[in-house]
Amino acid sequence: MIETTVVEYKEVSPKDPVMIVGLPGIGLIGKLVVDHLISELKAEKIMEIFSPHLPPQVTVNADGTTKLVSNEIYFLKGNDKTPDLLLLVGDHQSATNEGHYELAGIYLDIAEKFQTKRIYTLGGYGTGKLMDVPHVLYATNNPDIIEEIKSYGPTFTEGELSGGIIGASGLILGLGELRGMEAVCIMGETSGYLVDPKSAQAVLSVLSKALNFEVDTKELEARAQEIEKIITKIKEMEETQLPKEYGAEDKYIG
């Protein structure tokens, strides 16, 4: 494979859909949220994206079979209260700077194809500290919708996101603005130490308000409780060790 390839499995005709992007990043927050939505809401896979910019490997399934790493698009039909959804999730982000730009462009091409009215990218904001109640932050490429986004619960403090937003979650906002496409990044605070289902719950809560849907969160809650046990042990260790210092470039990896 010498170029990125998009395989379409099923033709759909969504009406004014919203795209939700949950690719791997710090705390795996975005991926946790979108994987949970796909599972709970029974979304259907309609596309798969293979690329030489993704790591050169296959994943090994529970039955011993293998699958080439890829990113996938799922579709969920909305109703009178909720919009049609395009859900982008995957195994990895690009391993190269050039690939980040190319893949972000392809994701936007797909959004344009379906006349997507807004894109939400999801991720984590690394603080380097363990916290009991993670806050949710936002960034957007359209100043006209800031008050609307705030009404869903996320906050923004000037200078807090000084490290920028790295990867697809950030590039989709920047490249999307060049195309006149509205995009919002929703980030949950996370230590950066480990997978963070608790922060994923906080992000999912904001997203649910934005899109007016309800989803069972018992699975995420159970995972959060398991992580809490690990965090308790880490906090005990922190009492005798200096906390990790995060540089500006490490604040967020989307």
C-alpha atoms as a PDB file:
ATOM      1  CA  MET A   1       0.000   0.000   0.000  1.00  0.00           C
ATOM      2  CA  ILE A   2       1.556   3.291  -1.112  1.00  0.00           C
ATOM      3  CA  GLU A   3      -1.353   5.676  -0.552  1.00  0.00           C
ATOM      4  CA  THR A   4      -4.268   6.154   1.797  1.00  0.00           C
ATOM      5  CA  THR A   5      -7.287   4.110   0.712  1.00  0.00           C
ATOM      6  CA  VAL A   6     -10.906   4.625   1.732  1.00  0.00           C
ATOM      7  CA  VAL A   7     -13.102   1.538   1.438  1.00  0.00           C
ATOM      8  CA  GLU A   8     -16.857   2.172   1.424  1.00  0.00           C
ATOM      9  CA  TYR A   9     -18.941  -0.761   2.659  1.00  0.00           C
ATOM     10  CA  LYS A  10     -22.410   0.734   2.495  1.00  0.00           C
ATOM     11  CA  GLU A  11     -24.016   3.764   0.887  1.00  0.00           C
ATOM     12  CA  VAL A  12     -25.999   5.975   3.257  1.00  0.00           C
ATOM     13  CA  SER A  13     -27.774   9.290   2.819  1.00  0.00           C
ATOM     14  CA  PRO A  14     -27.627  11.139   6.142  1.00  0.00           C
ATOM     15  CA  LYS A  15     -29.440  14.439   6.518  1.00  0.00           C
ATOM     16  CA  ASP A  16     -27.357  17.292   7.979  1.00  0.00           C
ATOM     17  CA  PRO A  17     -25.252  14.864  10.046  1.00  0.00           C
ATOM     18  CA  VAL A  18     -22.888  15.674  12.885  1.00  0.00           C
ATOM     19  CA  MET A  19     -19.464  14.017  12.817  1.00  0.00           C
ATOM     20  CA  ILE A  20     -17.885  12.884  16.094  1.00  0.00           C
ATOM     21  CA  VAL A  21     -14.152  12.125  16.030  1.00  0.00           C
ATOM     22  CA  GLY A  22     -12.667   9.901  18.728  1.00  0.00           C
ATOM     23  CA  LEU A  23      -9.166   8.820  17.778  1.00  0.00           C
ATOM     24  CA  PRO A  24      -6.496   7.582  20.229  1.00  0.00           C
ATOM     25  CA  GLY A  25      -4.820  10.286  22.300  1.00  0.00           C
ATOM     26  CA  ILE A  26      -3.908  11.092  25.881  1.00  0.00           C
ATOM     27  CA  GLY A  27      -6.066   9.100  28.289  1.00  0.00           C
ATOM     28  CA  LEU A  28      -7.779   7.490  25.259  1.00  0.00           C
ATOM     29  CA  ILE A  29     -10.711   9.737  26.140  1.00  0.00           C
ATOM     30  CA  GLY A  30     -12.056  10.389  22.646  1.00  0.00           C
ATOM     31  CA  LYS A  31     -11.715   6.759  21.626  1.00  0.00           C
ATOM     32  CA  LEU A  32     -13.439   5.575  24.814  1.00  0.00           C
ATOM     33  CA  VAL A  33     -16.415   7.867  24.168  1.00  0.00           C
ATOM     34  CA  VAL A  34     -16.887   6.974  20.509  1.00  0.00           C
ATOM     35  CA  ASP A  35     -16.331   3.240  21.051  1.00  0.00           C
ATOM     36  CA  HIS A  36     -18.963   3.425  23.797  1.00  0.00           C
ATOM     37  CA  LEU A  37     -21.442   5.227  21.531  1.00  0.00           C
ATOM     38  CA  ILE A  38     -20.919   2.704  18.739  1.00  0.00           C
ATOM     39  CA  SER A  39     -21.499  -0.194  21.125  1.00  0.00           C
ATOM     40  CA  GLU A  40     -24.450   1.231  23.047  1.00  0.00           C
ATOM     41  CA  LEU A  41     -26.281   2.801  20.101  1.00  0.00           C
ATOM     42  CA  LYS A  42     -25.550  -0.042  17.631  1.00  0.00           C
ATOM     43  CA  ALA A  43     -24.011   2.158  14.954  1.00  0.00           C
ATOM     44  CA  GLU A  44     -23.184   0.540  11.597  1.00  0.00           C
ATOM     45  CA  LYS A  45     -19.746   0.581   9.981  1.00  0.00           C
ATOM     46  CA  ILE A  46     -19.905   2.194   6.552  1.00  0.00           C
ATOM     47  CA  MET A  47     -16.257   3.028   5.734  1.00  0.00           C
ATOM     48  CA  GLU A  48     -12.726   2.019   6.594  1.00  0.00           C
ATOM     49  CA  ILE A  49      -9.565   4.060   6.050  1.00  0.00           C
ATOM     50  CA  PHE A  50      -6.233   2.309   5.486  1.00  0.00           C
ATOM     51  CA  SER A  51      -3.028   4.326   5.242  1.00  0.00           C
ATOM     52  CA  PRO A  52       0.759   3.888   5.077  1.00  0.00           C
ATOM     53  CA  HIS A  53       0.881   6.795   7.553  1.00  0.00           C
ATOM     54  CA  LEU A  54      -0.562   4.513  10.248  1.00  0.00           C
ATOM     55  CA  PRO A  55       1.844   2.265  12.194  1.00  0.00           C
ATOM     56  CA  PRO A  56       3.065  -0.785  10.208  1.00  0.00           C
ATOM     57  CA  GLN A  57       1.272  -3.501  12.112  1.00  0.00           C
ATOM     58  CA  VAL A  58      -1.824  -5.615  12.507  1.00  0.00           C
ATOM     59  CA  THR A  59      -3.955  -6.063  15.601  1.00  0.00           C
ATOM     60  CA  VAL A  60      -4.555  -9.587  16.880  1.00  0.00           C
ATOM     61  CA  ASN A  61      -8.170 -10.508  17.619  1.00  0.00           C
ATOM     62  CA  ALA A  62      -9.358 -12.675  20.515  1.00  0.00           C
ATOM     63  CA  ASP A  63      -9.665 -15.707  18.214  1.00  0.00           C
ATOM     64  CA  GLY A  64      -6.102 -15.378  16.907  1.00  0.00           C
ATOM     65  CA  THR A  65      -6.965 -13.744  13.587  1.00  0.00           C
ATOM     66  CA  THR A  66      -5.372 -10.475  12.538  1.00  0.00           C
ATOM     67  CA  LYS A  67      -6.610  -7.145  11.192  1.00  0.00           C
ATOM     68  CA  LEU A  68      -4.650  -4.405   9.456  1.00  0.00           C
ATOM     69  CA  VAL A  69      -4.702  -1.195  11.500  1.00  0.00           C
ATOM     70  CA  SER A  70      -7.222   1.315  10.201  1.00  0.00           C
ATOM     71  CA  ASN A  71      -9.667   4.058  11.111  1.00  0.00           C
ATOM     72  CA  GLU A  72     -13.391   3.526  10.645  1.00  0.00           C
ATOM     73  CA  ILE A  73     -16.545   5.538  10.010  1.00  0.00           C
ATOM     74  CA  TYR A  74     -19.827   4.397  11.575  1.00  0.00           C
ATOM     75  CA  PHE A  75     -23.310   5.738  10.861  1.00  0.00           C
ATOM     76  CA  LEU A  76     -26.234   6.158  13.220  1.00  0.00           C
ATOM     77  CA  LYS A  77     -29.626   7.385  12.057  1.00  0.00           C
ATOM     78  CA  GLY A  78     -31.086  10.068  14.282  1.00  0.00           C
ATOM     79  CA  ASN A  79     -34.695  10.833  15.137  1.00  0.00           C
ATOM     80  CA  ASP A  80     -36.904  13.871  15.700  1.00  0.00           C
ATOM     81  CA  LYS A  81     -34.735  14.972  18.637  1.00  0.00           C
ATOM     82  CA  THR A  82     -31.236  13.852  17.652  1.00  0.00           C
ATOM     83  CA  PRO A  83     -29.210  14.377  14.456  1.00  0.00           C
ATOM     84  CA  ASP A  84     -27.797  11.703  12.188  1.00  0.00           C
ATOM     85  CA  LEU A  85     -24.281  10.845  13.361  1.00  0.00           C
ATOM     86  CA  LEU A  86     -21.042   9.944  11.616  1.00  0.00           C
ATOM     87  CA  LEU A  87     -18.673   8.386  14.147  1.00  0.00           C
ATOM     88  CA  LEU A  88     -14.953   8.298  13.339  1.00  0.00           C
ATOM     89  CA  VAL A  89     -12.837   5.967  15.461  1.00  0.00           C
ATOM     90  CA  GLY A  90      -9.649   4.004  14.961  1.00  0.00           C
ATOM     91  CA  ASP A  91      -6.649   2.066  16.179  1.00  0.00           C
ATOM     92  CA  HIS A  92      -4.013   4.765  15.771  1.00  0.00           C
ATOM     93  CA  GLN A  93      -3.251   8.265  14.571  1.00  0.00           C
ATOM     94  CA  SER A  94      -0.620   9.014  11.962  1.00  0.00           C
ATOM     95  CA  ALA A  95       3.006   8.190  12.680  1.00  0.00           C
ATOM     96  CA  THR A  96       4.210  11.194  10.613  1.00  0.00           C
ATOM     97  CA  ASN A  97       3.508  14.936  10.450  1.00  0.00           C
ATOM     98  CA  GLU A  98       2.653  14.676   6.759  1.00  0.00           C
ATOM     99  CA  GLY A  99       0.257  11.859   7.504  1.00  0.00           C
ATOM    100  CA  HIS A 100      -1.575  13.889  10.136  1.00  0.00           C
ATOM    101  CA  TYR A 101      -2.338  16.537   7.530  1.00  0.00           C
ATOM    102  CA  GLU A 102      -3.268  14.033   4.835  1.00  0.00           C
ATOM    103  CA  LEU A 103      -5.577  12.007   7.062  1.00  0.00           C
ATOM    104  CA  ALA A 104      -7.234  15.093   8.549  1.00  0.00           C
ATOM    105  CA  GLY A 105      -7.901  16.244   4.995  1.00  0.00           C
ATOM    106  CA  ILE A 106      -9.479  12.884   4.151  1.00  0.00           C
ATOM    107  CA  TYR A 107     -11.695  13.018   7.242  1.00  0.00           C
ATOM    108  CA  LEU A 108     -12.850  16.472   6.134  1.00  0.00           C
ATOM    109  CA  ASP A 109     -13.437  15.182   2.595  1.00  0.00           C
ATOM    110  CA  ILE A 110     -15.775  12.560   4.051  1.00  0.00           C
ATOM    111  CA  ALA A 111     -17.527  15.180   6.182  1.00  0.00           C
ATOM    112  CA  GLU A 112     -18.007  17.368   3.099  1.00  0.00           C
ATOM    113  CA  LYS A 113     -19.310  14.430   1.067  1.00  0.00           C
ATOM    114  CA  PHE A 114     -22.144  13.968   3.559  1.00  0.00           C
ATOM    115  CA  GLN A 115     -22.696  17.721   4.010  1.00  0.00           C
ATOM    116  CA  THR A 116     -21.857  17.539   7.705  1.00  0.00           C
ATOM    117  CA  LYS A 117     -23.141  20.583   9.578  1.00  0.00           C
ATOM    118  CA  ARG A 118     -20.716  20.381  12.526  1.00  0.00           C
ATOM    119  CA  ILE A 119     -17.755  18.282  13.670  1.00  0.00           C
ATOM    120  CA  TYR A 120     -16.976  17.472  17.301  1.00  0.00           C
ATOM    121  CA  THR A 121     -13.467  16.203  17.982  1.00  0.00           C
ATOM    122  CA  LEU A 122     -12.923  14.586  21.376  1.00  0.00           C
ATOM    123  CA  GLY A 123      -9.759  14.209  23.388  1.00  0.00           C
ATOM    124  CA  GLY A 124      -7.885  14.753  26.607  1.00  0.00           C
ATOM    125  CA  TYR A 125      -6.120  17.683  28.213  1.00  0.00           C
ATOM    126  CA  GLY A 126      -3.088  16.397  30.092  1.00  0.00           C
ATOM    127  CA  THR A 127      -2.464  18.065  33.443  1.00  0.00           C
ATOM    128  CA  GLY A 128       0.129  15.711  34.906  1.00  0.00           C
ATOM    129  CA  LYS A 129      -1.944  15.570  38.101  1.00  0.00           C
ATOM    130  CA  LEU A 130      -4.531  13.140  39.389  1.00  0.00           C
ATOM    131  CA  MET A 131      -7.888  14.760  40.077  1.00  0.00           C
ATOM    132  CA  ASP A 132     -11.179  13.695  41.603  1.00  0.00           C
ATOM    133  CA  VAL A 133     -13.446  15.758  39.325  1.00  0.00           C
ATOM    134  CA  PRO A 134     -12.148  16.309  35.779  1.00  0.00           C
ATOM    135  CA  HIS A 135     -13.262  19.528  34.105  1.00  0.00           C
ATOM    136  CA  VAL A 136     -14.190  19.674  30.432  1.00  0.00           C
ATOM    137  CA  LEU A 137     -12.626  22.294  28.164  1.00  0.00           C
ATOM    138  CA  TYR A 138     -13.502  23.439  24.656  1.00  0.00           C
ATOM    139  CA  ALA A 139     -12.014  25.126  21.607  1.00  0.00           C
ATOM    140  CA  THR A 140     -13.767  26.039  18.368  1.00  0.00           C
ATOM    141  CA  ASN A 141     -12.980  27.512  14.958  1.00  0.00           C
ATOM    142  CA  ASN A 142     -16.223  29.540  14.943  1.00  0.00           C
ATOM    143  CA  PRO A 143     -16.548  32.392  17.470  1.00  0.00           C
ATOM    144  CA  ASP A 144     -20.255  32.707  16.695  1.00  0.00           C
ATOM    145  CA  ILE A 145     -21.079  29.475  18.547  1.00  0.00           C
ATOM    146  CA  ILE A 146     -19.023  30.017  21.712  1.00  0.00           C
ATOM    147  CA  GLU A 147     -22.022  30.866  23.919  1.00  0.00           C
ATOM    148  CA  GLU A 148     -23.897  27.839  22.619  1.00  0.00           C
ATOM    149  CA  ILE A 149     -20.966  25.543  23.393  1.00  0.00           C
ATOM    150  CA  LYS A 150     -20.582  27.007  26.889  1.00  0.00           C
ATOM    151  CA  SER A 151     -24.242  26.243  27.588  1.00  0.00           C
ATOM    152  CA  TYR A 152     -23.429  22.515  27.347  1.00  0.00           C
ATOM    153  CA  GLY A 153     -20.992  22.768  30.254  1.00  0.00           C
ATOM    154  CA  PRO A 154     -17.387  23.015  28.994  1.00  0.00           C
ATOM    155  CA  THR A 155     -15.180  25.944  29.995  1.00  0.00           C
ATOM    156  CA  PHE A 156     -12.319  27.949  28.541  1.00  0.00           C
ATOM    157  CA  THR A 157      -9.640  29.915  30.379  1.00  0.00           C
ATOM    158  CA  GLU A 158      -7.330  32.156  28.375  1.00  0.00           C
ATOM    159  CA  GLY A 159      -3.828  30.737  28.242  1.00  0.00           C
ATOM    160  CA  GLU A 160      -4.817  27.323  29.602  1.00  0.00           C
ATOM    161  CA  LEU A 161      -4.425  25.536  26.257  1.00  0.00           C
ATOM    162  CA  SER A 162      -1.010  27.073  25.657  1.00  0.00           C
ATOM    163  CA  GLY A 163       0.366  23.797  24.328  1.00  0.00           C
ATOM    164  CA  GLY A 164      -2.142  23.740  21.486  1.00  0.00           C
ATOM    165  CA  ILE A 165      -4.133  20.769  20.249  1.00  0.00           C
ATOM    166  CA  ILE A 166      -2.030  18.148  18.506  1.00  0.00           C
ATOM    167  CA  GLY A 167      -3.176  15.564  15.976  1.00  0.00           C
ATOM    168  CA  ALA A 168      -6.498  15.110  14.221  1.00  0.00           C
ATOM    169  CA  SER A 169      -8.492  16.784  16.993  1.00  0.00           C
ATOM    170  CA  GLY A 170      -6.661  20.037  16.359  1.00  0.00           C
ATOM    171  CA  LEU A 171      -6.010  19.834  12.622  1.00  0.00           C
ATOM    172  CA  ILE A 172      -9.673  19.198  11.866  1.00  0.00           C
ATOM    173  CA  LEU A 173     -10.477  22.549  13.481  1.00  0.00           C
ATOM    174  CA  GLY A 174      -7.716  24.382  11.619  1.00  0.00           C
ATOM    175  CA  LEU A 175      -8.140  22.772   8.210  1.00  0.00           C
ATOM    176  CA  GLY A 176     -11.905  22.782   8.618  1.00  0.00           C
ATOM    177  CA  GLU A 177     -11.878  26.555   9.088  1.00  0.00           C
ATOM    178  CA  LEU A 178     -10.084  26.915   5.748  1.00  0.00           C
ATOM    179  CA  ARG A 179     -12.981  25.033   4.154  1.00  0.00           C
ATOM    180  CA  GLY A 180     -15.659  26.961   6.024  1.00  0.00           C
ATOM    181  CA  MET A 181     -16.570  23.915   8.138  1.00  0.00           C
ATOM    182  CA  GLU A 182     -17.672  24.409  11.743  1.00  0.00           C
ATOM    183  CA  ALA A 183     -15.777  22.329  14.312  1.00  0.00           C
ATOM    184  CA  VAL A 184     -15.490  22.076  18.092  1.00  0.00           C
ATOM    185  CA  CYS A 185     -12.944  20.221  20.219  1.00  0.00           C
ATOM    186  CA  ILE A 186     -14.151  18.927  23.591  1.00  0.00           C
ATOM    187  CA  MET A 187     -11.384  17.876  25.989  1.00  0.00           C
ATOM    188  CA  GLY A 188     -11.542  16.193  29.362  1.00  0.00           C
ATOM    189  CA  GLU A 189      -8.876  16.919  31.944  1.00  0.00           C
ATOM    190  CA  THR A 190      -6.724  13.872  32.604  1.00  0.00           C
ATOM    191  CA  SER A 191      -3.513  13.081  34.410  1.00  0.00           C
ATOM    192  CA  GLY A 192      -1.938  11.482  31.351  1.00  0.00           C
ATOM    193  CA  TYR A 193      -0.827   8.525  33.452  1.00  0.00           C
ATOM    194  CA  LEU A 194      -3.358   5.983  32.213  1.00  0.00           C
ATOM    195  CA  VAL A 195      -6.600   5.322  30.347  1.00  0.00           C
ATOM    196  CA  ASP A 196      -9.230   7.644  31.825  1.00  0.00           C
ATOM    197  CA  PRO A 197     -12.872   6.470  31.619  1.00  0.00           C
ATOM    198  CA  LYS A 198     -13.853   8.971  34.337  1.00  0.00           C
ATOM    199  CA  SER A 199     -12.819  11.887  32.135  1.00  0.00           C
ATOM    200  CA  ALA A 200     -14.492  10.142  29.191  1.00  0.00           C
ATOM    201  CA  GLN A 201     -17.741  10.146  31.191  1.00  0.00           C
ATOM    202  CA  ALA A 202     -17.424  13.905  31.689  1.00  0.00           C
ATOM    203  CA  VAL A 203     -16.864  14.474  27.969  1.00  0.00           C
ATOM    204  CA  LEU A 204     -19.767  12.183  27.079  1.00  0.00           C
ATOM    205  CA  SER A 205     -22.035  14.168  29.408  1.00  0.00           C
ATOM    206  CA  VAL A 206     -21.232  17.398  27.548  1.00  0.00           C
ATOM    207  CA  LEU A 207     -21.640  15.738  24.160  1.00  0.00           C
ATOM    208  CA  SER A 208     -24.999  14.264  25.190  1.00  0.00           C
ATOM    209  CA  LYS A 209     -26.289  17.741  26.031  1.00  0.00           C
ATOM    210  CA  ALA A 210     -24.988  19.155  22.765  1.00  0.00           C
ATOM    211  CA  LEU A 211     -26.686  16.482  20.671  1.00  0.00           C
ATOM    212  CA  ASN A 212     -29.732  15.876  22.873  1.00  0.00           C
ATOM    213  CA  PHE A 213     -29.330  12.128  23.260  1.00  0.00           C
ATOM    214  CA  GLU A 214     -29.189   9.713  26.179  1.00  0.00           C
ATOM    215  CA  VAL A 215     -26.870   6.734  26.445  1.00  0.00           C
ATOM    216  CA  ASP A 216     -26.293   4.174  29.175  1.00  0.00           C
ATOM    217  CA  THR A 217     -22.956   4.847  30.890  1.00  0.00           C
ATOM    218  CA  LYS A 218     -22.819   1.796  33.195  1.00  0.00           C
ATOM    219  CA  GLU A 219     -19.903   0.273  31.288  1.00  0.00           C
ATOM    220  CA  LEU A 220     -17.850   3.467  31.524  1.00  0.00           C
ATOM    221  CA  GLU A 221     -18.759   3.800  35.199  1.00  0.00           C
ATOM    222  CA  ALA A 222     -17.544   0.265  35.891  1.00  0.00           C
ATOM    223  CA  ARG A 223     -14.262   0.962  34.120  1.00  0.00           C
ATOM    224  CA  ALA A 224     -13.903   4.225  36.027  1.00  0.00           C
ATOM    225  CA  GLN A 225     -14.284   2.386  39.332  1.00  0.00           C
ATOM    226  CA  GLU A 226     -11.500  -0.018  38.376  1.00  0.00           C
ATOM    227  CA  ILE A 227      -9.236   2.877  37.428  1.00  0.00           C
ATOM    228  CA  GLU A 228     -10.047   4.573  40.754  1.00  0.00           C
ATOM    229  CA  LYS A 229      -8.418   1.650  42.528  1.00  0.00           C
ATOM    230  CA  ILE A 230      -5.265   2.192  40.490  1.00  0.00           C
ATOM    231  CA  ILE A 231      -5.381   5.950  41.082  1.00  0.00           C
ATOM    232  CA  THR A 232      -5.571   5.386  44.840  1.00  0.00           C
ATOM    233  CA  LYS A 233      -2.313   3.459  44.648  1.00  0.00           C
ATOM    234  CA  ILE A 234      -0.733   6.143  42.448  1.00  0.00           C
ATOM    235  CA  LYS A 235      -1.727   8.866  44.930  1.00  0.00           C
ATOM    236  CA  GLU A 236      -0.019   6.908  47.678  1.00  0.00           C
ATOM    237  CA  MET A 237       3.115   6.807  45.538  1.00  0.00           C
ATOM    238  CA  GLU A 238       2.865  10.549  44.801  1.00  0.00           C
ATOM    239  CA  GLU A 239       3.273  11.297  48.483  1.00  0.00           C
ATOM    240  CA  THR A 240       6.884  10.138  48.241  1.00  0.00           C
ATOM    241  CA  GLN A 241       7.663  11.100  44.626  1.00  0.00           C
ATOM    242  CA  LEU A 242       7.702  14.373  42.730  1.00  0.00           C
ATOM    243  CA  PRO A 243       4.789  14.751  40.262  1.00  0.00           C
ATOM    244  CA  LYS A 244       5.528  14.715  36.560  1.00  0.00           C
ATOM    245  CA  GLU A 245       6.056  18.164  35.080  1.00  0.00           C
ATOM    246  CA  TYR A 246       4.295  18.677  31.751  1.00  0.00           C
ATOM    247  CA  GLY A 247       5.831  20.979  29.168  1.00  0.00           C
ATOM    248  CA  ALA A 248       3.677  23.126  26.888  1.00  0.00           C
ATOM    249  CA  GLU A 249       4.165  20.716  24.006  1.00  0.00           C
ATOM    250  CA  ASP A 250       2.847  17.827  26.114  1.00  0.00           C
ATOM    251  CA  LYS A 251      -0.382  19.422  27.289  1.00  0.00           C
ATOM    252  CA  TYR A 252      -2.574  17.753  24.726  1.00  0.00           C
ATOM    253  CA  ILE A 253      -2.150  14.954  22.246  1.00  0.00           C
ATOM    254  CA  GLY A 254      -5.397  14.410  20.365  1.00  0.00           C
END
